[in-house]
Every structure is written in C-alpha cells, then in structure tokens.
Protein backbone atom coordinates (compact mmCIF):
# COMPACT_ATOMS: atom_id res chain seq x y z
CA MET A 1 -153.69 56.72 24.42
CA ASP A 2 -151.70 57.32 21.33
CA ALA A 3 -149.94 60.63 21.31
CA PRO A 4 -151.36 63.16 19.65
CA ALA A 5 -150.32 63.73 15.59
CA HIS A 6 -147.87 66.52 15.17
CA LEU A 7 -146.47 68.29 11.96
CA PHE A 8 -144.00 65.40 11.59
CA SER A 9 -145.99 62.40 12.43
CA PRO A 10 -146.79 60.08 9.35
CA LEU A 11 -150.01 60.00 7.77
CA THR A 12 -151.49 56.77 6.34
CA LEU A 13 -153.93 57.41 3.34
CA ALA A 14 -155.39 54.07 1.54
CA GLY A 15 -152.58 52.47 0.64
CA ILE A 16 -149.84 55.02 1.06
CA THR A 17 -148.00 56.65 4.16
CA LEU A 18 -146.76 60.28 3.90
CA PRO A 19 -143.85 60.73 5.89
CA ASN A 20 -145.37 63.98 7.24
CA ARG A 21 -148.22 65.93 7.14
CA ILE A 22 -147.14 68.72 5.22
CA ILE A 23 -148.87 68.99 1.70
CA VAL A 24 -148.18 71.81 -1.08
CA SER A 25 -151.46 72.98 -1.90
CA PRO A 26 -152.64 73.53 -5.61
CA MET A 27 -151.25 77.11 -6.84
CA CYS A 28 -152.19 78.24 -10.26
CA GLU A 29 -149.11 79.11 -12.48
CA TYR A 30 -150.66 80.12 -15.56
CA SER A 31 -147.29 78.78 -17.43
CA SER A 32 -148.51 76.07 -19.69
CA GLU A 33 -149.13 76.25 -23.68
CA ALA A 34 -151.80 74.32 -24.59
CA GLY A 35 -152.17 72.49 -21.44
CA TYR A 36 -148.79 70.84 -21.46
CA ALA A 37 -146.65 70.75 -18.40
CA ASN A 38 -143.11 72.32 -19.13
CA ASP A 39 -139.69 73.05 -17.55
CA TRP A 40 -141.31 75.62 -15.10
CA HIS A 41 -143.57 72.85 -13.76
CA LEU A 42 -140.77 70.55 -13.21
CA VAL A 43 -138.49 73.15 -11.40
CA HIS A 44 -141.59 74.74 -9.50
CA LEU A 45 -143.13 71.64 -8.40
CA GLY A 46 -139.71 69.98 -7.91
CA SER A 47 -138.11 72.33 -5.56
CA ARG A 48 -141.10 71.57 -3.19
CA ALA A 49 -139.86 67.87 -2.93
CA ILE A 50 -136.27 68.65 -2.47
CA GLY A 51 -137.72 70.97 0.60
CA GLY A 52 -139.30 68.18 2.12
CA ALA A 53 -142.97 68.23 1.47
CA ALA A 54 -144.54 64.94 1.61
CA LEU A 55 -147.39 65.39 -0.82
CA ILE A 56 -147.23 67.87 -3.72
CA LEU A 57 -149.98 68.72 -5.71
CA THR A 58 -150.57 70.53 -9.24
CA GLU A 59 -152.41 73.32 -9.84
CA ALA A 60 -155.64 72.81 -11.13
CA THR A 61 -155.39 70.73 -14.19
CA ALA A 62 -158.33 70.98 -16.69
CA VAL A 63 -160.47 67.97 -17.70
CA SER A 64 -161.04 69.67 -20.81
CA PRO A 65 -160.06 72.65 -22.96
CA GLU A 66 -163.01 74.85 -21.91
CA GLY A 67 -162.67 74.08 -18.37
CA ARG A 68 -159.38 75.99 -17.95
CA ILE A 69 -159.20 79.41 -15.72
CA SER A 70 -156.85 80.56 -18.70
CA PRO A 71 -155.51 79.84 -21.79
CA GLN A 72 -152.05 79.55 -19.61
CA ASP A 73 -153.51 76.37 -17.55
CA LEU A 74 -152.28 72.99 -16.88
CA GLY A 75 -154.53 70.26 -18.81
CA LEU A 76 -155.09 66.61 -18.53
CA TRP A 77 -157.73 66.15 -21.30
CA LYS A 78 -155.78 64.03 -24.12
CA ASP A 79 -153.16 61.34 -23.76
CA GLU A 80 -150.37 63.61 -25.06
CA HIS A 81 -150.47 65.62 -21.91
CA ILE A 82 -149.46 62.47 -19.76
CA ALA A 83 -145.62 62.46 -20.54
CA PRO A 84 -144.66 65.80 -19.93
CA LEU A 85 -146.67 65.26 -16.41
CA ALA A 86 -144.88 62.10 -16.13
CA ARG A 87 -141.54 63.63 -16.20
CA VAL A 88 -142.65 66.01 -13.32
CA VAL A 89 -143.88 62.84 -11.00
CA ASN A 90 -140.71 60.94 -11.76
CA PHE A 91 -138.65 63.82 -10.16
CA LEU A 92 -141.02 64.15 -7.44
CA HIS A 93 -140.57 60.64 -6.48
CA ALA A 94 -136.95 60.26 -6.91
CA HIS A 95 -136.68 63.02 -4.31
CA GLY A 96 -138.96 61.08 -1.82
CA ALA A 97 -142.38 63.03 -2.39
CA ARG A 98 -145.56 61.87 -3.66
CA ALA A 99 -147.76 63.54 -6.40
CA GLY A 100 -150.91 64.49 -6.29
CA VAL A 101 -153.17 66.14 -9.56
CA GLN A 102 -155.88 68.52 -8.79
CA LEU A 103 -158.53 67.95 -11.69
CA ALA A 104 -160.92 70.79 -12.29
CA HIS A 105 -163.39 72.65 -14.37
CA ALA A 106 -163.69 76.44 -14.18
CA GLY A 107 -167.33 76.52 -14.99
CA ARG A 108 -168.06 80.11 -15.34
CA LYS A 109 -164.79 81.69 -14.45
CA ALA A 110 -163.29 80.25 -17.67
CA SER A 111 -161.35 81.81 -20.49
CA MET A 112 -159.79 84.81 -18.47
CA SER A 113 -156.72 86.09 -18.19
CA PRO A 114 -153.70 85.38 -15.86
CA PRO A 115 -153.44 87.43 -12.95
CA ALA A 116 -150.30 88.97 -13.70
CA GLN A 117 -152.14 90.62 -17.09
CA PRO A 118 -155.18 93.06 -17.02
CA HIS A 119 -158.28 91.50 -15.83
CA ARG A 120 -160.21 90.73 -18.81
CA VAL A 121 -162.28 88.17 -20.69
CA VAL A 122 -159.95 86.29 -23.50
CA PRO A 123 -161.82 86.20 -26.59
CA PRO A 124 -161.29 83.46 -29.23
CA ALA A 125 -159.05 85.39 -31.58
CA GLU A 126 -156.55 85.48 -28.38
CA GLY A 127 -156.75 81.96 -27.34
CA GLY A 128 -159.83 82.10 -25.36
CA TRP A 129 -163.28 80.47 -26.08
CA SER A 130 -166.52 81.06 -26.29
CA ASN A 131 -168.20 77.94 -24.93
CA VAL A 132 -167.99 79.14 -21.25
CA LEU A 133 -170.11 76.63 -19.39
CA ALA A 134 -172.16 76.82 -16.06
CA PRO A 135 -174.97 75.29 -14.37
CA SER A 136 -177.06 78.41 -15.06
CA ALA A 137 -176.77 81.21 -17.44
CA ILE A 138 -175.28 83.43 -14.68
CA PRO A 139 -171.93 85.27 -14.72
CA PHE A 140 -169.75 85.16 -11.64
CA ALA A 141 -169.54 88.91 -12.52
CA ALA A 142 -169.86 92.13 -14.78
CA ASP A 143 -166.37 91.42 -15.96
CA TYR A 144 -166.49 88.21 -16.44
CA ALA A 145 -167.88 85.74 -19.60
CA GLN A 146 -171.50 84.91 -20.00
CA PRO A 147 -171.81 81.31 -19.11
CA HIS A 148 -174.28 78.66 -21.25
CA ALA A 149 -176.17 76.73 -19.10
CA LEU A 150 -175.20 72.87 -19.66
CA ASP A 151 -177.89 70.72 -20.72
CA LEU A 152 -177.93 67.08 -19.69
CA GLU A 153 -175.90 66.11 -22.37
CA GLY A 154 -173.15 68.48 -21.69
CA ILE A 155 -173.21 67.29 -17.85
CA ALA A 156 -172.74 63.58 -18.90
CA ARG A 157 -169.73 64.95 -21.21
CA ILE A 158 -168.03 66.46 -17.98
CA ARG A 159 -168.63 63.20 -15.83
CA THR A 160 -166.70 61.31 -18.62
CA ALA A 161 -164.00 64.04 -18.87
CA PHE A 162 -163.22 63.72 -15.05
CA ARG A 163 -162.96 59.64 -15.39
CA ASP A 164 -161.06 60.15 -18.42
CA ALA A 165 -158.39 62.32 -17.08
CA THR A 166 -158.33 60.21 -13.43
CA LEU A 167 -157.16 57.48 -16.20
CA ARG A 168 -154.54 59.27 -17.54
CA ALA A 169 -153.21 60.46 -14.07
CA HIS A 170 -152.94 56.67 -13.29
CA THR A 171 -150.95 56.36 -16.42
CA ALA A 172 -148.72 59.41 -15.45
CA GLY A 173 -148.05 57.75 -12.31
CA PHE A 174 -149.63 60.29 -9.75
CA ASP A 175 -150.45 58.88 -6.22
CA VAL A 176 -153.19 61.03 -5.22
CA VAL A 177 -156.12 62.54 -7.45
CA GLU A 178 -158.15 65.56 -6.06
CA ILE A 179 -161.31 66.75 -7.42
CA HIS A 180 -161.66 70.31 -6.89
CA ALA A 181 -165.23 71.42 -5.96
CA ALA A 182 -164.23 74.79 -4.23
CA HIS A 183 -163.48 78.41 -5.23
CA GLY A 184 -166.66 79.17 -7.42
CA TYR A 185 -165.46 76.96 -10.13
CA LEU A 186 -167.95 74.54 -11.86
CA LEU A 187 -168.68 71.78 -9.09
CA HIS A 188 -168.68 74.58 -6.31
CA GLU A 189 -171.20 76.32 -8.71
CA PHE A 190 -173.43 73.37 -8.64
CA LEU A 191 -173.19 73.18 -5.04
CA SER A 192 -174.23 76.76 -4.26
CA PRO A 193 -178.09 78.15 -4.87
CA ILE A 194 -176.17 81.44 -5.54
CA SER A 195 -175.02 80.00 -8.85
CA ASN A 196 -177.25 77.41 -9.19
CA HIS A 197 -181.03 78.10 -10.11
CA ARG A 198 -181.70 74.81 -12.52
CA THR A 199 -185.04 73.40 -12.16
CA ASP A 200 -184.18 69.88 -13.11
CA GLN A 201 -182.41 66.85 -11.11
CA TYR A 202 -179.43 69.04 -10.28
CA GLY A 203 -181.07 72.23 -8.91
CA GLY A 204 -182.93 73.17 -6.16
CA SER A 205 -182.81 71.02 -3.15
CA PHE A 206 -179.41 69.85 -1.31
CA GLU A 207 -179.48 66.58 -2.78
CA ASN A 208 -180.03 67.74 -6.14
CA ARG A 209 -177.22 70.49 -5.96
CA THR A 210 -174.68 67.93 -4.62
CA ARG A 211 -175.47 64.99 -7.36
CA LEU A 212 -173.24 66.07 -10.00
CA LEU A 213 -169.93 66.32 -7.61
CA LEU A 214 -171.26 62.76 -5.87
CA GLU A 215 -171.42 61.31 -9.40
CA ILE A 216 -168.32 62.50 -10.61
CA THR A 217 -166.87 61.00 -7.29
CA THR A 218 -168.03 57.73 -8.04
CA GLU A 219 -166.80 57.97 -11.40
CA VAL A 220 -163.39 58.97 -10.24
CA ARG A 221 -163.35 56.38 -7.43
CA ALA A 222 -164.06 53.61 -9.85
CA ALA A 223 -161.21 54.54 -12.13
CA TRP A 224 -158.65 54.87 -9.48
CA PRO A 225 -156.96 52.25 -7.65
CA ALA A 226 -158.67 51.28 -4.45
CA GLN A 227 -154.88 51.64 -2.65
CA LEU A 228 -154.16 55.23 -3.76
CA PRO A 229 -156.34 57.93 -1.87
CA LEU A 230 -158.81 60.47 -3.53
CA PHE A 231 -159.45 63.99 -2.23
CA VAL A 232 -162.17 66.48 -2.77
CA ARG A 233 -161.41 70.20 -2.23
CA ILE A 234 -164.86 72.28 -1.15
CA SER A 235 -165.24 75.50 -0.35
CA ALA A 236 -166.94 75.28 3.31
CA THR A 237 -168.90 78.47 2.78
CA ASP A 238 -169.87 81.32 0.31
CA TRP A 239 -169.67 83.73 3.16
CA THR A 240 -172.80 85.09 1.97
CA PRO A 241 -175.96 84.76 3.44
CA GLY A 242 -178.18 82.21 1.21
CA GLY A 243 -175.16 80.69 -0.11
CA TRP A 244 -173.25 77.60 0.23
CA SER A 245 -173.08 76.73 4.20
CA ILE A 246 -170.83 74.92 6.51
CA ASP A 247 -173.95 72.70 7.70
CA GLU A 248 -173.98 71.69 4.07
CA SER A 249 -170.71 71.05 4.01
CA VAL A 250 -170.82 68.87 7.08
CA GLU A 251 -173.52 66.91 5.51
CA LEU A 252 -171.65 66.69 1.99
CA ALA A 253 -168.63 65.51 3.68
CA ARG A 254 -170.77 62.27 5.41
CA LEU A 255 -171.70 61.43 1.66
CA LEU A 256 -168.22 61.89 0.40
CA LYS A 257 -166.71 59.68 2.68
CA ALA A 258 -169.27 57.10 1.98
CA LYS A 259 -168.10 57.36 -1.61
CA GLY A 260 -164.95 56.61 -0.81
CA VAL A 261 -163.04 60.02 -0.55
CA ASP A 262 -160.17 59.68 1.93
CA LEU A 263 -159.38 63.39 2.77
CA LEU A 264 -161.32 66.57 2.43
CA ASP A 265 -159.39 69.42 1.66
CA VAL A 266 -161.25 72.50 3.41
CA SER A 267 -160.96 76.13 1.55
CA SER A 268 -163.89 78.61 1.23
CA GLY A 269 -165.28 81.29 -0.59
CA GLY A 270 -164.68 81.94 -4.41
CA ASN A 271 -168.04 81.98 -5.79
CA VAL A 272 -169.61 85.33 -4.55
CA ALA A 273 -167.22 88.42 -5.98
CA THR A 274 -168.55 90.80 -3.36
CA ALA A 275 -168.49 88.32 -0.35
CA GLN A 276 -166.70 89.76 2.70
CA ILE A 277 -164.10 87.21 4.10
CA PRO A 278 -162.42 87.76 7.20
CA VAL A 279 -158.87 86.50 6.02
CA GLY A 280 -156.39 86.10 8.82
CA PRO A 281 -153.94 83.50 10.04
CA GLY A 282 -155.73 80.15 10.06
CA TYR A 283 -159.06 81.77 9.07
CA GLN A 284 -160.33 78.46 7.70
CA THR A 285 -159.23 76.09 10.16
CA ALA A 286 -162.47 76.08 12.17
CA PHE A 287 -164.35 74.46 9.22
CA ALA A 288 -161.94 71.90 8.98
CA GLU A 289 -162.13 71.27 12.49
CA ARG A 290 -166.04 70.84 12.48
CA ILE A 291 -166.34 68.78 9.36
CA ARG A 292 -163.61 66.42 10.80
CA ARG A 293 -165.53 66.30 14.30
CA GLU A 294 -168.82 65.72 12.80
CA SER A 295 -168.47 63.88 9.58
CA GLY A 296 -165.32 61.17 10.85
CA ILE A 297 -163.81 62.11 7.45
CA LEU A 298 -159.84 62.93 7.47
CA THR A 299 -159.60 66.92 6.64
CA GLY A 300 -156.55 68.93 5.30
CA ALA A 301 -156.85 72.62 6.80
CA VAL A 302 -155.27 75.58 4.44
CA GLY A 303 -155.23 79.06 4.43
CA MET A 304 -152.87 81.57 5.97
CA ILE A 305 -150.80 78.60 7.59
CA THR A 306 -147.52 80.10 7.99
CA ASP A 307 -145.60 79.44 11.07
CA PRO A 308 -144.09 75.93 12.14
CA ALA A 309 -145.63 76.39 15.39
CA GLN A 310 -149.21 77.35 14.20
CA ALA A 311 -149.07 74.22 11.53
CA ASP A 312 -148.21 71.81 14.50
CA HIS A 313 -150.65 73.20 17.05
CA ILE A 314 -153.43 72.65 14.42
CA LEU A 315 -152.45 68.78 14.26
CA ARG A 316 -151.93 68.45 17.72
CA THR A 317 -155.43 69.62 19.06
CA GLY A 318 -157.27 67.84 16.75
CA GLN A 319 -158.28 70.52 14.25
CA ALA A 320 -157.08 68.54 11.13
CA ASP A 321 -154.92 65.91 9.93
CA ALA A 322 -152.89 67.68 7.75
CA VAL A 323 -151.99 71.18 6.80
CA LEU A 324 -151.74 72.27 3.12
CA ILE A 325 -149.55 75.66 2.28
CA ALA A 326 -149.29 77.46 -0.71
CA ARG A 327 -147.96 80.96 -0.40
CA GLU A 328 -145.67 80.36 2.14
CA PHE A 329 -144.04 77.76 0.05
CA LEU A 330 -143.76 80.32 -2.77
CA ARG A 331 -141.79 82.39 0.03
CA ASP A 332 -139.65 79.24 1.08
CA PRO A 333 -139.43 76.19 -1.40
CA TYR A 334 -137.85 74.15 1.73
CA TRP A 335 -140.41 75.19 4.42
CA PRO A 336 -140.22 71.68 5.82
CA LEU A 337 -136.79 71.44 6.48
CA HIS A 338 -136.89 75.04 8.28
CA ALA A 339 -140.23 73.99 10.02
CA ALA A 340 -138.46 70.54 11.58
CA GLN A 341 -135.30 72.77 13.04
CA ALA A 342 -137.71 75.30 14.28
CA LEU A 343 -139.96 72.65 16.13
CA GLY A 344 -136.89 70.07 17.30
CA GLN A 345 -137.97 67.17 14.76
CA ASN A 346 -136.08 65.05 12.72
CA THR A 347 -136.84 64.76 8.93
CA THR A 348 -134.60 63.59 6.14
CA TRP A 349 -132.62 65.92 3.48
CA PRO A 350 -131.56 65.30 -0.15
CA VAL A 351 -128.17 63.72 -0.04
CA GLN A 352 -127.03 66.41 -2.24
CA TYR A 353 -127.96 68.84 0.74
CA LEU A 354 -126.54 66.81 3.79
CA ARG A 355 -123.50 69.06 4.30
CA ALA A 356 -126.09 71.97 5.38
CA ALA A 357 -128.40 69.39 7.58
CA PRO A 358 -128.37 69.22 10.99
CA LYS A 359 -125.84 66.46 12.62
CA GLY A 360 -127.85 63.44 12.63
CA SER A 361 -129.98 63.91 9.55
CA GLU A 362 -130.73 60.96 7.20
CA PRO A 363 -130.70 61.00 3.52
CA ARG A 364 -134.15 61.14 1.89
CA LEU A 365 -134.81 57.92 0.05
CA ALA A 366 -136.16 57.90 -3.47
CA ILE A 367 -140.21 56.68 -3.81
CA GLU A 368 -140.06 53.06 -5.72
CA THR A 369 -142.31 53.90 -8.62
CA LYS A 370 -144.17 50.51 -9.84
CA LYS A 371 -144.42 50.12 -13.31
C-alpha cells in the first residue's frame, strides 16, 4: 500500500509534477494599469517562488476589460499583455516554481474601487465602465453597479474571450490555467439560482445553469495543451438557502472531470452579500474532501490554512490533494521553507540562500522552459 501523501510529496498533474503540494492561491493585488503586469507582480509572485511554493497562481486575470473587478486588475484580453506576464513566468521558472494564471470575469461585481479605497462603483469618468454584465439584471448589493443581462451574442463573446486568453497564457509560458467560477463572479453567477433568473437555455435547471461553465471549460481545454493541467475554482456553497449547494458542486465536479479538468480548487461563498459564513481554520476543507470522495476528481483545499501541521494533516488524511494558501503567504513569503523545517521534511533552497538553510539542503534547480 502506498504511503499517504504529505505536504512535501510530489504531485503529478497531467504532464507536470509539482515537487510539493503547496500552491499560492490567487490574490488580487489591485496594482495594474490597463491590465498590465509590472514590477509589483514580479516581486510579489517571485518572492513566493524563492520561498519554495510549487505552483504560483496569478490574481484573477480578466479576459475582457469589463471583466475586471476594478480598473487596477490584471488582464489578458490583448496580445500586448503577454510580454509583461512572460517576464514574471520566466522568473518563477528560474526559481523552480510552476506558474499558473487564473482567468476570470467579474460579472456583476465589476467596476468597483479597490479595497484600500472607500467602497463605491467607479464611474467611466474615473476609469470604470458602464457595461457591467451578468446573467440577469440583478445587482450584487445596493452599493454595486446595476448590471445588464447578457444576451446570447454576449455569452458567445465571453466564451471566445476565455479561449483567446487561454491561447495567450500558453504563449506567455504558463504551466496551469485556472477558470474562476467562484466568489460571486460571472460564472458563479450563472451557477447560482440566486443570481441567475434566466428563462432560456442558460437558466432554470441545473443543466442550464452549468451550461456556460461547461462550454467554457470545453473551449479552454481544447485551446490548452493536453500535457498541461487545467483547474477550476468553485464556491462549493452560497451558504444561503435556495442558493448553489454542495450537492450541486459534487455533481458539477463529475461533469468537469469528464471535460478534462485536472483539479478542482474548492472555495465557498461570495455570491450573497448577507450570507453568514462560519469562517475559521480549515472551514472549507470538508467541501474539498466530499467532492474528492464522491466525484473522484483531485481537489485543492483553501481557506484559513496557516499552520504546517494543519496543512500536512489535510493531505495525510485524504481530505484534499493540495493546499492553496493566500493570506499566510502575505505574512510569510517563505512559508514552505519554514514548514519543511517544522515538519522535519527536506526541501530545496535557492542557491543564494543556502548559507541559511538547514544542513544537507539541496540547491533548487530552475524549470526548463520549452521554447
């Protein structure tokens, strides 16, 4: 019988193998201008590669200008965005980390101010936009934009935007694409009956509400090389009666696995402003465990995972196949190096830092980038 996986076990996904199971979760930085990556993204993401994370995902990266959460979001809606992102990818590879991009459309939560500023809708005169889009013309909350319901032509344009952004991601050298279908953004809005009141083929039944995500998954998988992994992030529940549920998430996971998705990144919430969410250490892990057990897809656990022993326990007990860590990486960019020491595991160190590494540590090797 194989030994149970642990935090520093390798993980094979499609045609790549991660040296450990620590993934940097997407974190919006609100530091772009016109969608371009810059020095902030290089240093922010690059420092997590130096710190030993196996895979580093960008923040939500918009597939269209109106798909941004704020005017300061990253984008991949035009070819000019490729080179600045490739610079980041090349740095991550040089320091032994795989690079992933989360492709997103903010839907009805678009054209908003960044969290560090007073909460408000950003008007077009200040860099916002009026064409905020959603499955139905239902605002997220009173202090959010009034969205326009997408017609079928608009839905087709969004499918194409995800496909085209995927092709650009490959040109930039990314190793993983993640489709963002969580946290109340556009694809989650289609999934949930709370935000989707449509009466056509994209609304009503479970089959209809999942149709757009499955269509986009098909488009992205066809555009993305088979040897490279595809992730999808979902909110497993709306935490609200009558909303998207964990039962539906299990069924969706089976469908996504059949479409060629390699790992489901399991989060929750974000689509109901008044939802009461019992936030605490590992509060979403049970969703990842159930989806993994009942659908057979690999899952990643995320949410208030901060302690090395906690993360290791999630993996050793089969609750998930990887952990995605966000805020703890903001507090400690070198969390994997410290976790290895705390757990008595071996890991590689940047050659520049070997003088501070535990005795016997090996230098980290760069990932060969295929041209």
